[in-house]
Amino acid sequence: MAMAWGVTLTHGPVSVRPLRRRDAARWRYLRRTDAAWLAPWEATLPPGSEQPALSYASMIGGMRRRARRGQSLPFAVEHEGLMVGQVSVNGITWGSARWASIGYWVASSHAGRGITPLAVALVIDHLFGTMGLHRVEISARPENEASQRVIAKLGLTEVGLAPRYLHIAGGWRDHRVFQLLAEDVPGGLVARLTQQAPPAE
């Protein structure tokens, strides 16, 4: 599965590539600059977890170990060669299920420009085409209108509401759950997405 992760996927000015240790300074800058923008949607540890906050080095080390085992794929999102966000594939399950969940964020300076939907579409095509997964899932808080616009552009199907699904901002938060199946996009999700709208600028 290392080869399935160690790839760069590109369409126009948008690309996704493996998140690297040397991204630390840029990653910290983006997260610090957009702390207020990201905080309402970021997963947090519930009380009693007793787990200290991870440094970037510890975080990326754990992500890369899971990627080598085929359990997750941490991708940096770039626009015109500059890192502007992240797409993470988590909970990759093989056997008879062959599915995974996807999370993402983008810098506020680059939001609303079509970058995130295209980056996620690139990753989904990789999951379906190269890796042979059958289903992907994206969950979003009902209040997260920006994330739900991304999901709508990608054409995922809502499968239900998951009450108290994830601990965020100090409490257990409901999430809307959406899915896409490989047979839903036989020609690829990037192709479908870019036929609907012009590439990101």
C-alpha atoms as a PDB file:
ATOM      1  CA  MET A   1       0.000   0.000   0.000  1.00  0.00           C
ATOM      2  CA  ALA A   2       3.015   2.344   0.236  1.00  0.00           C
ATOM      3  CA  MET A   3       2.949   2.802  -3.554  1.00  0.00           C
ATOM      4  CA  ALA A   4      -0.759   3.598  -3.402  1.00  0.00           C
ATOM      5  CA  TRP A   5       0.077   6.475  -1.059  1.00  0.00           C
ATOM      6  CA  GLY A   6       3.383   7.734  -2.459  1.00  0.00           C
ATOM      7  CA  VAL A   7       1.841   9.392  -5.504  1.00  0.00           C
ATOM      8  CA  THR A   8       1.110  12.908  -6.690  1.00  0.00           C
ATOM      9  CA  LEU A   9      -2.290  13.412  -8.314  1.00  0.00           C
ATOM     10  CA  THR A  10      -2.828  16.521 -10.442  1.00  0.00           C
ATOM     11  CA  HIS A  11      -5.525  18.240 -12.450  1.00  0.00           C
ATOM     12  CA  GLY A  12      -4.812  21.754 -13.681  1.00  0.00           C
ATOM     13  CA  PRO A  13      -3.416  23.941 -10.872  1.00  0.00           C
ATOM     14  CA  VAL A  14      -4.587  21.561  -8.118  1.00  0.00           C
ATOM     15  CA  SER A  15      -2.570  18.599  -6.884  1.00  0.00           C
ATOM     16  CA  VAL A  16      -2.455  16.293  -3.884  1.00  0.00           C
ATOM     17  CA  ARG A  17       0.697  14.600  -2.637  1.00  0.00           C
ATOM     18  CA  PRO A  18       1.851  12.792   0.510  1.00  0.00           C
ATOM     19  CA  LEU A  19       2.081  15.041   3.556  1.00  0.00           C
ATOM     20  CA  ARG A  20       5.768  15.287   4.501  1.00  0.00           C
ATOM     21  CA  ARG A  21       7.851  16.092   7.552  1.00  0.00           C
ATOM     22  CA  ARG A  22       9.303  19.116   5.784  1.00  0.00           C
ATOM     23  CA  ASP A  23       5.776  20.559   5.462  1.00  0.00           C
ATOM     24  CA  ALA A  24       5.901  21.339   9.185  1.00  0.00           C
ATOM     25  CA  ALA A  25       6.492  25.095   8.937  1.00  0.00           C
ATOM     26  CA  ARG A  26       3.838  25.650   6.252  1.00  0.00           C
ATOM     27  CA  TRP A  27       1.338  23.366   8.006  1.00  0.00           C
ATOM     28  CA  ARG A  28       1.817  25.199  11.326  1.00  0.00           C
ATOM     29  CA  TYR A  29       1.480  28.570   9.606  1.00  0.00           C
ATOM     30  CA  LEU A  30      -1.811  27.599   7.954  1.00  0.00           C
ATOM     31  CA  ARG A  31      -3.217  26.101  11.139  1.00  0.00           C
ATOM     32  CA  ARG A  32      -2.172  29.087  13.255  1.00  0.00           C
ATOM     33  CA  THR A  33      -3.443  31.661  10.762  1.00  0.00           C
ATOM     34  CA  ASP A  34      -6.809  29.907  10.401  1.00  0.00           C
ATOM     35  CA  ALA A  35      -7.271  28.669  13.966  1.00  0.00           C
ATOM     36  CA  ALA A  36     -10.635  30.428  14.363  1.00  0.00           C
ATOM     37  CA  TRP A  37     -11.769  29.329  10.881  1.00  0.00           C
ATOM     38  CA  LEU A  38     -11.020  25.633  11.552  1.00  0.00           C
ATOM     39  CA  ALA A  39     -11.790  25.217  15.274  1.00  0.00           C
ATOM     40  CA  PRO A  40     -15.605  24.778  15.005  1.00  0.00           C
ATOM     41  CA  TRP A  41     -15.129  21.739  12.734  1.00  0.00           C
ATOM     42  CA  GLU A  42     -12.004  20.085  14.140  1.00  0.00           C
ATOM     43  CA  ALA A  43     -12.199  16.826  16.108  1.00  0.00           C
ATOM     44  CA  THR A  44     -11.155  17.143  19.764  1.00  0.00           C
ATOM     45  CA  LEU A  45     -10.413  14.634  22.491  1.00  0.00           C
ATOM     46  CA  PRO A  46     -13.212  14.163  25.026  1.00  0.00           C
ATOM     47  CA  PRO A  47     -12.545  14.792  28.738  1.00  0.00           C
ATOM     48  CA  GLY A  48     -10.584  12.034  30.411  1.00  0.00           C
ATOM     49  CA  SER A  49      -8.649  11.034  27.309  1.00  0.00           C
ATOM     50  CA  GLU A  50      -5.401  11.964  29.052  1.00  0.00           C
ATOM     51  CA  GLN A  51      -3.535  12.179  25.766  1.00  0.00           C
ATOM     52  CA  PRO A  52      -1.226  15.174  25.314  1.00  0.00           C
ATOM     53  CA  ALA A  53      -1.442  17.262  22.165  1.00  0.00           C
ATOM     54  CA  LEU A  54       0.775  15.806  19.470  1.00  0.00           C
ATOM     55  CA  SER A  55       3.609  17.738  17.880  1.00  0.00           C
ATOM     56  CA  TYR A  56       3.660  17.917  14.088  1.00  0.00           C
ATOM     57  CA  ALA A  57       6.574  15.449  14.042  1.00  0.00           C
ATOM     58  CA  SER A  58       4.642  12.937  16.166  1.00  0.00           C
ATOM     59  CA  MET A  59       1.470  13.436  14.151  1.00  0.00           C
ATOM     60  CA  ILE A  60       3.093  12.974  10.770  1.00  0.00           C
ATOM     61  CA  GLY A  61       5.110  10.020  12.035  1.00  0.00           C
ATOM     62  CA  GLY A  62       1.939   8.237  13.111  1.00  0.00           C
ATOM     63  CA  MET A  63       0.185   9.118   9.849  1.00  0.00           C
ATOM     64  CA  ARG A  64       3.046   7.789   7.747  1.00  0.00           C
ATOM     65  CA  ARG A  65       3.198   4.534   9.719  1.00  0.00           C
ATOM     66  CA  ARG A  66      -0.533   3.998   9.162  1.00  0.00           C
ATOM     67  CA  ALA A  67      -0.104   4.859   5.476  1.00  0.00           C
ATOM     68  CA  ARG A  68       2.607   2.227   5.071  1.00  0.00           C
ATOM     69  CA  ARG A  69       0.222  -0.315   6.614  1.00  0.00           C
ATOM     70  CA  GLY A  70      -2.530   0.677   4.189  1.00  0.00           C
ATOM     71  CA  GLN A  71      -4.738   2.120   6.937  1.00  0.00           C
ATOM     72  CA  SER A  72      -4.758   5.820   6.045  1.00  0.00           C
ATOM     73  CA  LEU A  73      -3.526   8.280   3.416  1.00  0.00           C
ATOM     74  CA  PRO A  74      -2.513  11.795   4.550  1.00  0.00           C
ATOM     75  CA  PHE A  75      -2.337  14.111   1.532  1.00  0.00           C
ATOM     76  CA  ALA A  76      -1.272  17.738   1.283  1.00  0.00           C
ATOM     77  CA  VAL A  77      -3.344  19.867  -1.096  1.00  0.00           C
ATOM     78  CA  GLU A  78      -1.420  22.240  -3.336  1.00  0.00           C
ATOM     79  CA  HIS A  79      -2.610  25.060  -5.569  1.00  0.00           C
ATOM     80  CA  GLU A  80      -0.064  26.212  -8.133  1.00  0.00           C
ATOM     81  CA  GLY A  81       2.643  24.445  -6.130  1.00  0.00           C
ATOM     82  CA  LEU A  82       1.779  26.004  -2.750  1.00  0.00           C
ATOM     83  CA  MET A  83       0.369  23.900   0.084  1.00  0.00           C
ATOM     84  CA  VAL A  84      -3.076  25.239   0.988  1.00  0.00           C
ATOM     85  CA  GLY A  85      -4.784  22.386   2.829  1.00  0.00           C
ATOM     86  CA  GLN A  86      -5.060  18.692   3.533  1.00  0.00           C
ATOM     87  CA  VAL A  87      -7.145  15.668   2.524  1.00  0.00           C
ATOM     88  CA  SER A  88      -6.934  12.683   4.861  1.00  0.00           C
ATOM     89  CA  VAL A  89      -8.238   9.202   4.132  1.00  0.00           C
ATOM     90  CA  ASN A  90      -8.896   7.330   7.371  1.00  0.00           C
ATOM     91  CA  GLY A  91     -10.214   3.986   8.547  1.00  0.00           C
ATOM     92  CA  ILE A  92      -9.359   2.143   5.341  1.00  0.00           C
ATOM     93  CA  THR A  93     -11.080  -1.231   5.616  1.00  0.00           C
ATOM     94  CA  TRP A  94     -10.345  -4.159   3.345  1.00  0.00           C
ATOM     95  CA  GLY A  95     -11.937  -7.614   3.197  1.00  0.00           C
ATOM     96  CA  SER A  96     -15.564  -7.647   2.131  1.00  0.00           C
ATOM     97  CA  ALA A  97     -16.150  -3.965   2.995  1.00  0.00           C
ATOM     98  CA  ARG A  98     -13.423  -2.072   1.054  1.00  0.00           C
ATOM     99  CA  TRP A  99     -14.307   1.423   2.218  1.00  0.00           C
ATOM    100  CA  ALA A 100     -12.761   4.480   3.858  1.00  0.00           C
ATOM    101  CA  SER A 101     -13.724   7.875   5.256  1.00  0.00           C
ATOM    102  CA  ILE A 102     -12.384  11.200   4.030  1.00  0.00           C
ATOM    103  CA  GLY A 103     -11.767  14.458   5.860  1.00  0.00           C
ATOM    104  CA  TYR A 104     -10.413  17.740   4.503  1.00  0.00           C
ATOM    105  CA  TRP A 105      -9.631  21.361   5.235  1.00  0.00           C
ATOM    106  CA  VAL A 106      -8.403  24.282   3.171  1.00  0.00           C
ATOM    107  CA  ALA A 107      -6.949  27.672   4.061  1.00  0.00           C
ATOM    108  CA  SER A 108      -9.558  30.429   4.243  1.00  0.00           C
ATOM    109  CA  SER A 109      -7.512  32.352   1.648  1.00  0.00           C
ATOM    110  CA  HIS A 110      -8.259  29.588  -0.868  1.00  0.00           C
ATOM    111  CA  ALA A 111     -11.813  28.629   0.133  1.00  0.00           C
ATOM    112  CA  GLY A 112     -14.637  28.918  -2.375  1.00  0.00           C
ATOM    113  CA  ARG A 113     -12.372  28.540  -5.414  1.00  0.00           C
ATOM    114  CA  GLY A 114     -13.155  24.942  -6.338  1.00  0.00           C
ATOM    115  CA  ILE A 115      -9.865  23.649  -4.966  1.00  0.00           C
ATOM    116  CA  THR A 116     -11.245  21.382  -2.249  1.00  0.00           C
ATOM    117  CA  PRO A 117     -13.819  19.517  -4.389  1.00  0.00           C
ATOM    118  CA  LEU A 118     -11.191  18.861  -7.052  1.00  0.00           C
ATOM    119  CA  ALA A 119      -8.600  17.697  -4.515  1.00  0.00           C
ATOM    120  CA  VAL A 120     -11.104  15.323  -2.896  1.00  0.00           C
ATOM    121  CA  ALA A 121     -12.195  14.057  -6.332  1.00  0.00           C
ATOM    122  CA  LEU A 122      -8.576  13.283  -7.224  1.00  0.00           C
ATOM    123  CA  VAL A 123      -8.225  11.255  -4.032  1.00  0.00           C
ATOM    124  CA  ILE A 124     -11.527   9.419  -4.525  1.00  0.00           C
ATOM    125  CA  ASP A 125     -10.575   8.432  -8.089  1.00  0.00           C
ATOM    126  CA  HIS A 126      -7.308   7.071  -6.670  1.00  0.00           C
ATOM    127  CA  LEU A 127      -9.156   5.105  -3.999  1.00  0.00           C
ATOM    128  CA  PHE A 128     -11.576   3.575  -6.504  1.00  0.00           C
ATOM    129  CA  GLY A 129      -9.267   3.153  -9.469  1.00  0.00           C
ATOM    130  CA  THR A 130      -5.809   2.361  -8.091  1.00  0.00           C
ATOM    131  CA  MET A 131      -6.629   0.922  -4.698  1.00  0.00           C
ATOM    132  CA  GLY A 132      -9.852  -0.876  -5.563  1.00  0.00           C
ATOM    133  CA  LEU A 133     -12.039   0.463  -2.764  1.00  0.00           C
ATOM    134  CA  HIS A 134     -15.794   0.265  -3.283  1.00  0.00           C
ATOM    135  CA  ARG A 135     -17.178   2.999  -1.016  1.00  0.00           C
ATOM    136  CA  VAL A 136     -16.087   6.310   0.472  1.00  0.00           C
ATOM    137  CA  GLU A 137     -17.813   8.223   3.229  1.00  0.00           C
ATOM    138  CA  ILE A 138     -17.720  11.886   4.202  1.00  0.00           C
ATOM    139  CA  SER A 139     -19.384  13.210   7.354  1.00  0.00           C
ATOM    140  CA  ALA A 140     -20.088  16.837   8.174  1.00  0.00           C
ATOM    141  CA  ARG A 141     -21.808  18.749  10.928  1.00  0.00           C
ATOM    142  CA  PRO A 142     -25.210  20.080   9.800  1.00  0.00           C
ATOM    143  CA  GLU A 143     -23.957  23.592  10.604  1.00  0.00           C
ATOM    144  CA  ASN A 144     -20.884  23.241   8.366  1.00  0.00           C
ATOM    145  CA  GLU A 145     -22.274  24.811   5.218  1.00  0.00           C
ATOM    146  CA  ALA A 146     -18.879  25.095   3.499  1.00  0.00           C
ATOM    147  CA  SER A 147     -18.200  21.375   3.844  1.00  0.00           C
ATOM    148  CA  GLN A 148     -21.679  20.500   2.652  1.00  0.00           C
ATOM    149  CA  ARG A 149     -21.186  22.637  -0.453  1.00  0.00           C
ATOM    150  CA  VAL A 150     -18.102  20.535  -1.233  1.00  0.00           C
ATOM    151  CA  ILE A 151     -20.103  17.346  -0.724  1.00  0.00           C
ATOM    152  CA  ALA A 152     -22.918  18.617  -2.949  1.00  0.00           C
ATOM    153  CA  LYS A 153     -20.483  19.473  -5.753  1.00  0.00           C
ATOM    154  CA  LEU A 154     -19.050  15.951  -5.526  1.00  0.00           C
ATOM    155  CA  GLY A 155     -22.508  14.412  -5.758  1.00  0.00           C
ATOM    156  CA  LEU A 156     -22.398  12.141  -2.722  1.00  0.00           C
ATOM    157  CA  THR A 157     -25.629  10.586  -1.464  1.00  0.00           C
ATOM    158  CA  GLU A 158     -26.833  11.258   2.075  1.00  0.00           C
ATOM    159  CA  VAL A 159     -27.355   8.053   4.030  1.00  0.00           C
ATOM    160  CA  GLY A 160     -28.487   9.482   7.341  1.00  0.00           C
ATOM    161  CA  LEU A 161     -27.827  11.492  10.458  1.00  0.00           C
ATOM    162  CA  ALA A 162     -25.372  10.125  13.020  1.00  0.00           C
ATOM    163  CA  PRO A 163     -26.260  11.587  16.436  1.00  0.00           C
ATOM    164  CA  ARG A 164     -23.317  12.604  18.632  1.00  0.00           C
ATOM    165  CA  TYR A 165     -20.955  11.192  16.022  1.00  0.00           C
ATOM    166  CA  LEU A 166     -17.717  13.000  16.840  1.00  0.00           C
ATOM    167  CA  HIS A 167     -16.273  15.057  19.684  1.00  0.00           C
ATOM    168  CA  ILE A 168     -15.726  18.597  18.416  1.00  0.00           C
ATOM    169  CA  ALA A 169     -15.216  21.895  20.215  1.00  0.00           C
ATOM    170  CA  GLY A 170     -15.975  20.475  23.646  1.00  0.00           C
ATOM    171  CA  GLY A 171     -18.983  18.280  22.897  1.00  0.00           C
ATOM    172  CA  TRP A 172     -20.376  15.322  20.984  1.00  0.00           C
ATOM    173  CA  ARG A 173     -21.731  16.653  17.691  1.00  0.00           C
ATOM    174  CA  ASP A 174     -24.276  15.273  15.248  1.00  0.00           C
ATOM    175  CA  HIS A 175     -23.069  14.660  11.686  1.00  0.00           C
ATOM    176  CA  ARG A 176     -24.755  14.131   8.354  1.00  0.00           C
ATOM    177  CA  VAL A 177     -23.248  11.089   6.646  1.00  0.00           C
ATOM    178  CA  PHE A 178     -22.755  10.886   2.877  1.00  0.00           C
ATOM    179  CA  GLN A 179     -21.362   8.158   0.641  1.00  0.00           C
ATOM    180  CA  LEU A 180     -20.171   7.512  -2.899  1.00  0.00           C
ATOM    181  CA  LEU A 181     -19.824   4.079  -4.497  1.00  0.00           C
ATOM    182  CA  ALA A 182     -17.380   3.134  -7.237  1.00  0.00           C
ATOM    183  CA  GLU A 183     -20.248   2.280  -9.589  1.00  0.00           C
ATOM    184  CA  ASP A 184     -21.675   5.786  -9.102  1.00  0.00           C
ATOM    185  CA  VAL A 185     -18.771   7.267 -11.094  1.00  0.00           C
ATOM    186  CA  PRO A 186     -17.723   4.732 -13.759  1.00  0.00           C
ATOM    187  CA  GLY A 187     -15.958   7.456 -15.718  1.00  0.00           C
ATOM    188  CA  GLY A 188     -14.220   8.937 -12.681  1.00  0.00           C
ATOM    189  CA  LEU A 189     -15.243  11.688 -10.288  1.00  0.00           C
ATOM    190  CA  VAL A 190     -12.773  14.278 -11.615  1.00  0.00           C
ATOM    191  CA  ALA A 191     -14.220  13.873 -15.092  1.00  0.00           C
ATOM    192  CA  ARG A 192     -17.763  14.289 -13.787  1.00  0.00           C
ATOM    193  CA  LEU A 193     -16.840  17.272 -11.626  1.00  0.00           C
ATOM    194  CA  THR A 194     -14.924  19.138 -14.325  1.00  0.00           C
ATOM    195  CA  GLN A 195     -17.731  18.607 -16.839  1.00  0.00           C
ATOM    196  CA  GLN A 196     -20.034  20.455 -14.438  1.00  0.00           C
ATOM    197  CA  ALA A 197     -17.787  23.463 -13.844  1.00  0.00           C
ATOM    198  CA  PRO A 198     -14.525  24.993 -15.117  1.00  0.00           C
ATOM    199  CA  PRO A 199     -11.271  24.018 -13.355  1.00  0.00           C
ATOM    200  CA  ALA A 200     -10.219  25.908 -10.224  1.00  0.00           C
ATOM    201  CA  GLU A 201      -8.461  29.184 -10.866  1.00  0.00           C
END
